[in-house]
Amino acid sequence: AAEASANTLTIGPVDGDPGVEVNLALIGEESNSGANYFNPGDDWTVAEGKTAAGDAAAMPELVDAWGTPVLAWAEDEFAPTVPDEDAEIADFAAIDSETDPARFYWRQNAGSLSSTGLGPRNTSQQESLLFAGEANIPASLAALLGSVADPINPDGELADATVSDLVPGSARGGVVLHSAGRDRVYLSTEDDGFADVTGQFVYGSNFSPDLASMFGDAPWSSADEQEGTRDVVSGFNDLITAVGG
């Protein structure tokens, strides 16, 4: 009991309101099934950031191959589902939960996304679509985290939708792990993917740039006549993995 207590950190989503206990002794340990509980190895973890305090300062941070923190976007399972009618981007993604609940919140990863000196190269996130100064963060989060299999037109039929109308009805997964990739900037405006959507990185960009396109026939058509839906995130060098949900 004494050993478990010494290795247990109390981590909370809000300062002064801890809600989760993490036992560091379990990292790398085998479970009853013989599989590792969580074993990223020393090369994939670093000490928590400079601004961390209390138990959080001892919490190891998972990093990618370039030493940049891997973001975890966890869906708020207690938030209302996105409605089929009158849906808004705010139903799916928001800065935080202070006004109304949403499925995802930017605040979950605010520490990394607000940084002007992140990781071993002190990389600034000012070119990120998710940087703290970006006014369209909820729309960018919807494009990043929304499932292309479940579009909603809040005003009615999908066939009548415009690119800016569409809202994701569900997420890629219950948890989305997000590496910034080799440029070390999350969804950089310097990536080819941003130029490909002509600076309009919104959920509807997964479908047709032609606002009059019919869903089911050719939801999206590229300049070289490829048709169907696409994943706008694939044009960035970010690495995205969705699990659960």
C-alpha atoms as a PDB file:
ATOM      1  CA  ALA A   1       0.000   0.000   0.000  1.00  0.00           C
ATOM      2  CA  ALA A   2       2.841   2.370   0.825  1.00  0.00           C
ATOM      3  CA  GLU A   3       4.501   1.716  -2.539  1.00  0.00           C
ATOM      4  CA  ALA A   4       1.272   2.348  -4.462  1.00  0.00           C
ATOM      5  CA  SER A   5       0.715   5.569  -2.575  1.00  0.00           C
ATOM      6  CA  ALA A   6       4.230   6.788  -3.346  1.00  0.00           C
ATOM      7  CA  ASN A   7       3.699   6.185  -7.066  1.00  0.00           C
ATOM      8  CA  THR A   8       0.188   7.552  -7.357  1.00  0.00           C
ATOM      9  CA  LEU A   9      -0.300  11.030  -8.770  1.00  0.00           C
ATOM     10  CA  THR A  10      -3.515  12.999  -8.448  1.00  0.00           C
ATOM     11  CA  ILE A  11      -4.210  14.719 -11.762  1.00  0.00           C
ATOM     12  CA  GLY A  12      -7.196  16.974 -12.340  1.00  0.00           C
ATOM     13  CA  PRO A  13      -8.539  18.701 -15.434  1.00  0.00           C
ATOM     14  CA  VAL A  14      -8.953  21.885 -13.411  1.00  0.00           C
ATOM     15  CA  ASP A  15      -6.460  23.375 -10.946  1.00  0.00           C
ATOM     16  CA  GLY A  16      -7.532  22.591  -7.395  1.00  0.00           C
ATOM     17  CA  ASP A  17     -10.116  20.063  -8.573  1.00  0.00           C
ATOM     18  CA  PRO A  18      -8.297  16.730  -8.996  1.00  0.00           C
ATOM     19  CA  GLY A  19     -10.367  13.926 -10.403  1.00  0.00           C
ATOM     20  CA  VAL A  20      -8.045  11.201 -11.708  1.00  0.00           C
ATOM     21  CA  GLU A  21      -5.387   9.129  -9.970  1.00  0.00           C
ATOM     22  CA  VAL A  22      -2.525   7.784 -12.069  1.00  0.00           C
ATOM     23  CA  ASN A  23      -0.292   5.023 -10.715  1.00  0.00           C
ATOM     24  CA  LEU A  24       3.128   5.457 -12.334  1.00  0.00           C
ATOM     25  CA  ALA A  25       4.150   2.007 -11.115  1.00  0.00           C
ATOM     26  CA  LEU A  26       1.755   0.440 -13.623  1.00  0.00           C
ATOM     27  CA  ILE A  27       3.498   1.966 -16.643  1.00  0.00           C
ATOM     28  CA  GLY A  28       5.398  -0.876 -18.292  1.00  0.00           C
ATOM     29  CA  GLU A  29       3.919  -3.519 -15.995  1.00  0.00           C
ATOM     30  CA  GLU A  30       2.203  -6.617 -17.350  1.00  0.00           C
ATOM     31  CA  SER A  31      -1.508  -7.111 -16.733  1.00  0.00           C
ATOM     32  CA  ASN A  32      -3.147 -10.391 -15.726  1.00  0.00           C
ATOM     33  CA  SER A  33      -3.391 -11.253 -19.416  1.00  0.00           C
ATOM     34  CA  GLY A  34       0.356 -10.872 -19.845  1.00  0.00           C
ATOM     35  CA  ALA A  35       0.096  -7.716 -21.949  1.00  0.00           C
ATOM     36  CA  ASN A  36       1.678  -4.436 -20.920  1.00  0.00           C
ATOM     37  CA  TYR A  37      -0.662  -1.933 -19.312  1.00  0.00           C
ATOM     38  CA  PHE A  38       1.203   0.896 -21.067  1.00  0.00           C
ATOM     39  CA  ASN A  39       4.802   0.659 -22.138  1.00  0.00           C
ATOM     40  CA  PRO A  40       5.911   3.488 -24.421  1.00  0.00           C
ATOM     41  CA  GLY A  41       9.593   3.214 -23.496  1.00  0.00           C
ATOM     42  CA  ASP A  42      11.941   5.908 -22.272  1.00  0.00           C
ATOM     43  CA  ASP A  43      12.422   7.379 -25.774  1.00  0.00           C
ATOM     44  CA  TRP A  44       8.736   8.260 -26.009  1.00  0.00           C
ATOM     45  CA  THR A  45       8.203  10.051 -22.715  1.00  0.00           C
ATOM     46  CA  VAL A  46       9.589  13.222 -21.182  1.00  0.00           C
ATOM     47  CA  ALA A  47       9.027  15.097 -17.942  1.00  0.00           C
ATOM     48  CA  GLU A  48       5.953  17.338 -17.889  1.00  0.00           C
ATOM     49  CA  GLY A  49       6.248  20.885 -19.268  1.00  0.00           C
ATOM     50  CA  LYS A  50       7.906  23.815 -17.532  1.00  0.00           C
ATOM     51  CA  THR A  51       4.603  25.309 -16.428  1.00  0.00           C
ATOM     52  CA  ALA A  52       3.321  22.190 -14.678  1.00  0.00           C
ATOM     53  CA  ALA A  53       2.873  22.289 -10.928  1.00  0.00           C
ATOM     54  CA  GLY A  54       2.192  19.823  -8.134  1.00  0.00           C
ATOM     55  CA  ASP A  55       1.674  16.195  -9.101  1.00  0.00           C
ATOM     56  CA  ALA A  56       1.364  17.173 -12.758  1.00  0.00           C
ATOM     57  CA  ALA A  57       5.060  18.085 -12.770  1.00  0.00           C
ATOM     58  CA  ALA A  58       5.919  14.415 -12.177  1.00  0.00           C
ATOM     59  CA  MET A  59       3.539  13.096 -14.822  1.00  0.00           C
ATOM     60  CA  PRO A  60       5.471  11.840 -17.873  1.00  0.00           C
ATOM     61  CA  GLU A  61       4.357  13.245 -21.210  1.00  0.00           C
ATOM     62  CA  LEU A  62       4.024  11.084 -24.312  1.00  0.00           C
ATOM     63  CA  VAL A  63       5.962  12.501 -27.270  1.00  0.00           C
ATOM     64  CA  ASP A  64       6.283  11.554 -30.918  1.00  0.00           C
ATOM     65  CA  ALA A  65       9.390  10.705 -32.945  1.00  0.00           C
ATOM     66  CA  TRP A  66      10.264  14.419 -33.149  1.00  0.00           C
ATOM     67  CA  GLY A  67      10.008  15.009 -29.387  1.00  0.00           C
ATOM     68  CA  THR A  68       6.718  16.944 -29.649  1.00  0.00           C
ATOM     69  CA  PRO A  69       3.865  16.116 -27.228  1.00  0.00           C
ATOM     70  CA  VAL A  70       1.177  13.802 -28.612  1.00  0.00           C
ATOM     71  CA  LEU A  71      -2.206  15.441 -28.074  1.00  0.00           C
ATOM     72  CA  ALA A  72      -5.116  13.330 -26.860  1.00  0.00           C
ATOM     73  CA  TRP A  73      -8.551  14.604 -27.860  1.00  0.00           C
ATOM     74  CA  ALA A  74     -11.037  12.810 -25.589  1.00  0.00           C
ATOM     75  CA  GLU A  75     -14.751  13.039 -26.350  1.00  0.00           C
ATOM     76  CA  ASP A  76     -17.047  14.347 -23.633  1.00  0.00           C
ATOM     77  CA  GLU A  77     -19.384  11.367 -23.284  1.00  0.00           C
ATOM     78  CA  PHE A  78     -21.686  13.331 -20.997  1.00  0.00           C
ATOM     79  CA  ALA A  79     -22.354  16.116 -23.507  1.00  0.00           C
ATOM     80  CA  PRO A  80     -25.561  15.965 -25.575  1.00  0.00           C
ATOM     81  CA  THR A  81     -25.292  14.317 -28.973  1.00  0.00           C
ATOM     82  CA  VAL A  82     -25.195  16.613 -31.982  1.00  0.00           C
ATOM     83  CA  PRO A  83     -28.838  17.180 -33.025  1.00  0.00           C
ATOM     84  CA  ASP A  84     -30.071  16.237 -36.486  1.00  0.00           C
ATOM     85  CA  GLU A  85     -31.745  19.628 -36.845  1.00  0.00           C
ATOM     86  CA  ASP A  86     -30.406  23.094 -36.057  1.00  0.00           C
ATOM     87  CA  ALA A  87     -26.952  21.666 -35.339  1.00  0.00           C
ATOM     88  CA  GLU A  88     -24.066  24.086 -34.867  1.00  0.00           C
ATOM     89  CA  ILE A  89     -20.311  23.658 -34.774  1.00  0.00           C
ATOM     90  CA  ALA A  90     -20.561  24.620 -31.080  1.00  0.00           C
ATOM     91  CA  ASP A  91     -22.508  21.404 -30.478  1.00  0.00           C
ATOM     92  CA  PHE A  92     -19.467  19.428 -31.590  1.00  0.00           C
ATOM     93  CA  ALA A  93     -16.414  21.519 -30.653  1.00  0.00           C
ATOM     94  CA  ALA A  94     -15.814  24.481 -28.361  1.00  0.00           C
ATOM     95  CA  ILE A  95     -12.984  26.285 -26.625  1.00  0.00           C
ATOM     96  CA  ASP A  96     -14.136  24.975 -23.232  1.00  0.00           C
ATOM     97  CA  SER A  97     -17.270  23.865 -21.401  1.00  0.00           C
ATOM     98  CA  GLU A  98     -17.875  27.099 -19.503  1.00  0.00           C
ATOM     99  CA  THR A  99     -20.726  28.233 -21.769  1.00  0.00           C
ATOM    100  CA  ASP A 100     -22.305  25.041 -23.116  1.00  0.00           C
ATOM    101  CA  PRO A 101     -21.172  21.412 -23.342  1.00  0.00           C
ATOM    102  CA  ALA A 102     -19.752  20.030 -26.592  1.00  0.00           C
ATOM    103  CA  ARG A 103     -18.234  16.757 -27.727  1.00  0.00           C
ATOM    104  CA  PHE A 104     -14.663  18.136 -27.718  1.00  0.00           C
ATOM    105  CA  TYR A 105     -12.851  21.080 -26.107  1.00  0.00           C
ATOM    106  CA  TRP A 106      -9.733  22.931 -27.225  1.00  0.00           C
ATOM    107  CA  ARG A 107      -8.866  23.539 -23.567  1.00  0.00           C
ATOM    108  CA  GLN A 108      -7.862  19.872 -23.222  1.00  0.00           C
ATOM    109  CA  ASN A 109      -4.601  20.636 -25.030  1.00  0.00           C
ATOM    110  CA  ALA A 110      -4.292  24.370 -24.450  1.00  0.00           C
ATOM    111  CA  GLY A 111      -0.838  24.092 -22.889  1.00  0.00           C
ATOM    112  CA  SER A 112       0.788  22.723 -26.047  1.00  0.00           C
ATOM    113  CA  LEU A 113      -1.340  24.660 -28.529  1.00  0.00           C
ATOM    114  CA  SER A 114      -0.655  28.029 -26.875  1.00  0.00           C
ATOM    115  CA  SER A 115       3.098  27.504 -26.835  1.00  0.00           C
ATOM    116  CA  THR A 116       5.602  29.683 -28.636  1.00  0.00           C
ATOM    117  CA  GLY A 117       8.445  27.357 -27.671  1.00  0.00           C
ATOM    118  CA  LEU A 118       7.299  23.724 -27.653  1.00  0.00           C
ATOM    119  CA  GLY A 119       9.503  20.654 -27.596  1.00  0.00           C
ATOM    120  CA  PRO A 120      13.266  20.233 -27.953  1.00  0.00           C
ATOM    121  CA  ARG A 121      13.478  22.823 -30.736  1.00  0.00           C
ATOM    122  CA  ASN A 122      11.271  25.385 -28.973  1.00  0.00           C
ATOM    123  CA  THR A 123       8.846  25.360 -31.897  1.00  0.00           C
ATOM    124  CA  SER A 124       6.206  28.084 -31.964  1.00  0.00           C
ATOM    125  CA  GLN A 125       2.602  27.068 -32.636  1.00  0.00           C
ATOM    126  CA  GLN A 126       1.669  30.478 -34.036  1.00  0.00           C
ATOM    127  CA  GLU A 127       1.271  28.969 -37.530  1.00  0.00           C
ATOM    128  CA  SER A 128      -1.134  26.324 -36.182  1.00  0.00           C
ATOM    129  CA  LEU A 129      -4.825  26.374 -37.064  1.00  0.00           C
ATOM    130  CA  LEU A 130      -5.328  25.542 -33.377  1.00  0.00           C
ATOM    131  CA  PHE A 131      -3.094  28.261 -31.897  1.00  0.00           C
ATOM    132  CA  ALA A 132      -4.632  30.283 -29.065  1.00  0.00           C
ATOM    133  CA  GLY A 133      -5.019  33.377 -31.242  1.00  0.00           C
ATOM    134  CA  GLU A 134      -6.965  31.573 -33.981  1.00  0.00           C
ATOM    135  CA  ALA A 135     -10.575  32.805 -34.060  1.00  0.00           C
ATOM    136  CA  ASN A 136     -11.886  29.753 -35.925  1.00  0.00           C
ATOM    137  CA  ILE A 137     -10.606  27.088 -33.524  1.00  0.00           C
ATOM    138  CA  PRO A 138     -13.997  25.291 -33.083  1.00  0.00           C
ATOM    139  CA  ALA A 139     -14.404  25.006 -36.866  1.00  0.00           C
ATOM    140  CA  SER A 140     -10.850  23.680 -37.200  1.00  0.00           C
ATOM    141  CA  LEU A 141     -11.461  21.155 -34.421  1.00  0.00           C
ATOM    142  CA  ALA A 142     -14.593  19.954 -36.219  1.00  0.00           C
ATOM    143  CA  ALA A 143     -12.582  19.411 -39.416  1.00  0.00           C
ATOM    144  CA  LEU A 144      -9.900  17.564 -37.474  1.00  0.00           C
ATOM    145  CA  LEU A 145     -12.103  15.384 -35.270  1.00  0.00           C
ATOM    146  CA  GLY A 146     -15.372  14.950 -37.193  1.00  0.00           C
ATOM    147  CA  SER A 147     -16.268  11.707 -38.959  1.00  0.00           C
ATOM    148  CA  VAL A 148     -16.715  12.113 -42.720  1.00  0.00           C
ATOM    149  CA  ALA A 149     -19.285   9.307 -42.571  1.00  0.00           C
ATOM    150  CA  ASP A 150     -21.813  11.339 -40.592  1.00  0.00           C
ATOM    151  CA  PRO A 151     -22.399  14.851 -42.016  1.00  0.00           C
ATOM    152  CA  ILE A 152     -25.372  16.914 -40.876  1.00  0.00           C
ATOM    153  CA  ASN A 153     -26.946  19.845 -42.667  1.00  0.00           C
ATOM    154  CA  PRO A 154     -28.667  21.802 -39.877  1.00  0.00           C
ATOM    155  CA  ASP A 155     -31.073  23.352 -42.381  1.00  0.00           C
ATOM    156  CA  GLY A 156     -32.363  20.146 -43.947  1.00  0.00           C
ATOM    157  CA  GLU A 157     -31.317  17.788 -46.708  1.00  0.00           C
ATOM    158  CA  LEU A 158     -27.655  17.132 -47.407  1.00  0.00           C
ATOM    159  CA  ALA A 159     -28.243  17.796 -51.081  1.00  0.00           C
ATOM    160  CA  ASP A 160     -28.985  21.411 -50.210  1.00  0.00           C
ATOM    161  CA  ALA A 161     -25.910  21.895 -48.022  1.00  0.00           C
ATOM    162  CA  THR A 162     -23.029  24.245 -48.633  1.00  0.00           C
ATOM    163  CA  VAL A 163     -19.501  23.565 -47.462  1.00  0.00           C
ATOM    164  CA  SER A 164     -19.844  26.054 -44.623  1.00  0.00           C
ATOM    165  CA  ASP A 165     -23.178  24.563 -43.492  1.00  0.00           C
ATOM    166  CA  LEU A 166     -22.034  21.063 -42.629  1.00  0.00           C
ATOM    167  CA  VAL A 167     -21.545  19.889 -39.044  1.00  0.00           C
ATOM    168  CA  PRO A 168     -20.148  16.485 -37.998  1.00  0.00           C
ATOM    169  CA  GLY A 169     -22.755  14.320 -36.326  1.00  0.00           C
ATOM    170  CA  SER A 170     -20.116  12.120 -34.715  1.00  0.00           C
ATOM    171  CA  ALA A 171     -16.370  11.887 -34.161  1.00  0.00           C
ATOM    172  CA  ARG A 172     -13.547   9.882 -35.695  1.00  0.00           C
ATOM    173  CA  GLY A 173     -13.322   8.072 -32.368  1.00  0.00           C
ATOM    174  CA  GLY A 174     -13.785   8.425 -28.651  1.00  0.00           C
ATOM    175  CA  VAL A 175     -10.129   9.416 -28.340  1.00  0.00           C
ATOM    176  CA  VAL A 176      -8.072  10.906 -31.155  1.00  0.00           C
ATOM    177  CA  LEU A 177      -4.277  10.890 -30.766  1.00  0.00           C
ATOM    178  CA  HIS A 178      -2.612  13.735 -32.638  1.00  0.00           C
ATOM    179  CA  SER A 179       1.072  14.070 -33.564  1.00  0.00           C
ATOM    180  CA  ALA A 180       2.200  17.347 -35.141  1.00  0.00           C
ATOM    181  CA  GLY A 181       4.449  15.424 -37.529  1.00  0.00           C
ATOM    182  CA  ARG A 182       7.871  16.327 -38.807  1.00  0.00           C
ATOM    183  CA  ASP A 183       7.289  20.102 -38.873  1.00  0.00           C
ATOM    184  CA  ARG A 184       6.366  19.994 -35.143  1.00  0.00           C
ATOM    185  CA  VAL A 185       3.376  22.319 -35.700  1.00  0.00           C
ATOM    186  CA  TYR A 186      -0.167  21.019 -35.224  1.00  0.00           C
ATOM    187  CA  LEU A 187      -2.137  21.591 -38.447  1.00  0.00           C
ATOM    188  CA  SER A 188       0.268  24.176 -39.792  1.00  0.00           C
ATOM    189  CA  THR A 189      -1.008  26.783 -42.226  1.00  0.00           C
ATOM    190  CA  GLU A 190       2.276  26.154 -44.080  1.00  0.00           C
ATOM    191  CA  ASP A 191       1.278  22.554 -44.923  1.00  0.00           C
ATOM    192  CA  ASP A 192       0.101  21.653 -48.423  1.00  0.00           C
ATOM    193  CA  GLY A 193      -3.227  20.538 -46.970  1.00  0.00           C
ATOM    194  CA  PHE A 194      -4.139  24.102 -46.029  1.00  0.00           C
ATOM    195  CA  ALA A 195      -3.394  25.412 -49.513  1.00  0.00           C
ATOM    196  CA  ASP A 196      -5.397  22.527 -50.987  1.00  0.00           C
ATOM    197  CA  VAL A 197      -8.571  23.730 -49.258  1.00  0.00           C
ATOM    198  CA  THR A 198      -7.715  27.320 -50.245  1.00  0.00           C
ATOM    199  CA  GLY A 199      -7.539  28.390 -46.633  1.00  0.00           C
ATOM    200  CA  GLN A 200     -11.008  27.095 -45.754  1.00  0.00           C
ATOM    201  CA  PHE A 201     -10.206  24.335 -43.267  1.00  0.00           C
ATOM    202  CA  VAL A 202     -13.705  23.412 -42.168  1.00  0.00           C
ATOM    203  CA  TYR A 203     -15.546  20.106 -41.812  1.00  0.00           C
ATOM    204  CA  GLY A 204     -17.408  20.636 -45.090  1.00  0.00           C
ATOM    205  CA  SER A 205     -14.073  20.708 -46.941  1.00  0.00           C
ATOM    206  CA  ASN A 206     -14.147  16.906 -46.681  1.00  0.00           C
ATOM    207  CA  PHE A 207     -16.892  17.026 -49.280  1.00  0.00           C
ATOM    208  CA  SER A 208     -17.385  19.037 -52.450  1.00  0.00           C
ATOM    209  CA  PRO A 209     -15.834  22.458 -53.066  1.00  0.00           C
ATOM    210  CA  ASP A 210     -18.790  22.879 -55.435  1.00  0.00           C
ATOM    211  CA  LEU A 211     -21.535  24.204 -53.178  1.00  0.00           C
ATOM    212  CA  ALA A 212     -24.275  22.704 -55.364  1.00  0.00           C
ATOM    213  CA  SER A 213     -22.940  19.115 -55.353  1.00  0.00           C
ATOM    214  CA  MET A 214     -25.353  16.318 -54.600  1.00  0.00           C
ATOM    215  CA  PHE A 215     -24.512  14.009 -51.737  1.00  0.00           C
ATOM    216  CA  GLY A 216     -24.578  10.367 -52.767  1.00  0.00           C
ATOM    217  CA  ASP A 217     -23.601  11.087 -56.377  1.00  0.00           C
ATOM    218  CA  ALA A 218     -20.354  13.037 -56.160  1.00  0.00           C
ATOM    219  CA  PRO A 219     -20.004  14.544 -52.681  1.00  0.00           C
ATOM    220  CA  TRP A 220     -16.556  15.784 -53.573  1.00  0.00           C
ATOM    221  CA  SER A 221     -14.753  16.262 -56.876  1.00  0.00           C
ATOM    222  CA  SER A 222     -11.141  17.281 -57.237  1.00  0.00           C
ATOM    223  CA  ALA A 223      -9.509  19.095 -60.130  1.00  0.00           C
ATOM    224  CA  ASP A 224      -8.403  15.732 -61.567  1.00  0.00           C
ATOM    225  CA  GLU A 225     -11.998  14.455 -61.439  1.00  0.00           C
ATOM    226  CA  GLN A 226     -11.617  12.132 -58.475  1.00  0.00           C
ATOM    227  CA  GLU A 227     -14.939  11.798 -56.736  1.00  0.00           C
ATOM    228  CA  GLY A 228     -16.156  10.917 -53.259  1.00  0.00           C
ATOM    229  CA  THR A 229     -15.419  12.096 -49.768  1.00  0.00           C
ATOM    230  CA  ARG A 230     -11.874  12.789 -48.639  1.00  0.00           C
ATOM    231  CA  ASP A 231     -10.010  13.356 -45.400  1.00  0.00           C
ATOM    232  CA  VAL A 232      -8.743  16.936 -45.414  1.00  0.00           C
ATOM    233  CA  VAL A 233      -6.345  16.138 -42.575  1.00  0.00           C
ATOM    234  CA  SER A 234      -4.436  13.745 -44.843  1.00  0.00           C
ATOM    235  CA  GLY A 235      -3.016  16.737 -46.706  1.00  0.00           C
ATOM    236  CA  PHE A 236      -1.156  17.823 -43.566  1.00  0.00           C
ATOM    237  CA  ASN A 237       1.953  16.057 -42.259  1.00  0.00           C
ATOM    238  CA  ASP A 238       0.194  15.520 -38.915  1.00  0.00           C
ATOM    239  CA  LEU A 239      -0.353  11.913 -37.823  1.00  0.00           C
ATOM    240  CA  ILE A 240      -3.854  11.098 -36.573  1.00  0.00           C
ATOM    241  CA  THR A 241      -5.018   7.888 -34.873  1.00  0.00           C
ATOM    242  CA  ALA A 242      -8.581   7.421 -33.609  1.00  0.00           C
ATOM    243  CA  VAL A 243      -9.596   4.783 -31.084  1.00  0.00           C
ATOM    244  CA  GLY A 244     -12.864   3.848 -29.407  1.00  0.00           C
ATOM    245  CA  GLY A 245     -16.221   5.445 -29.993  1.00  0.00           C
END
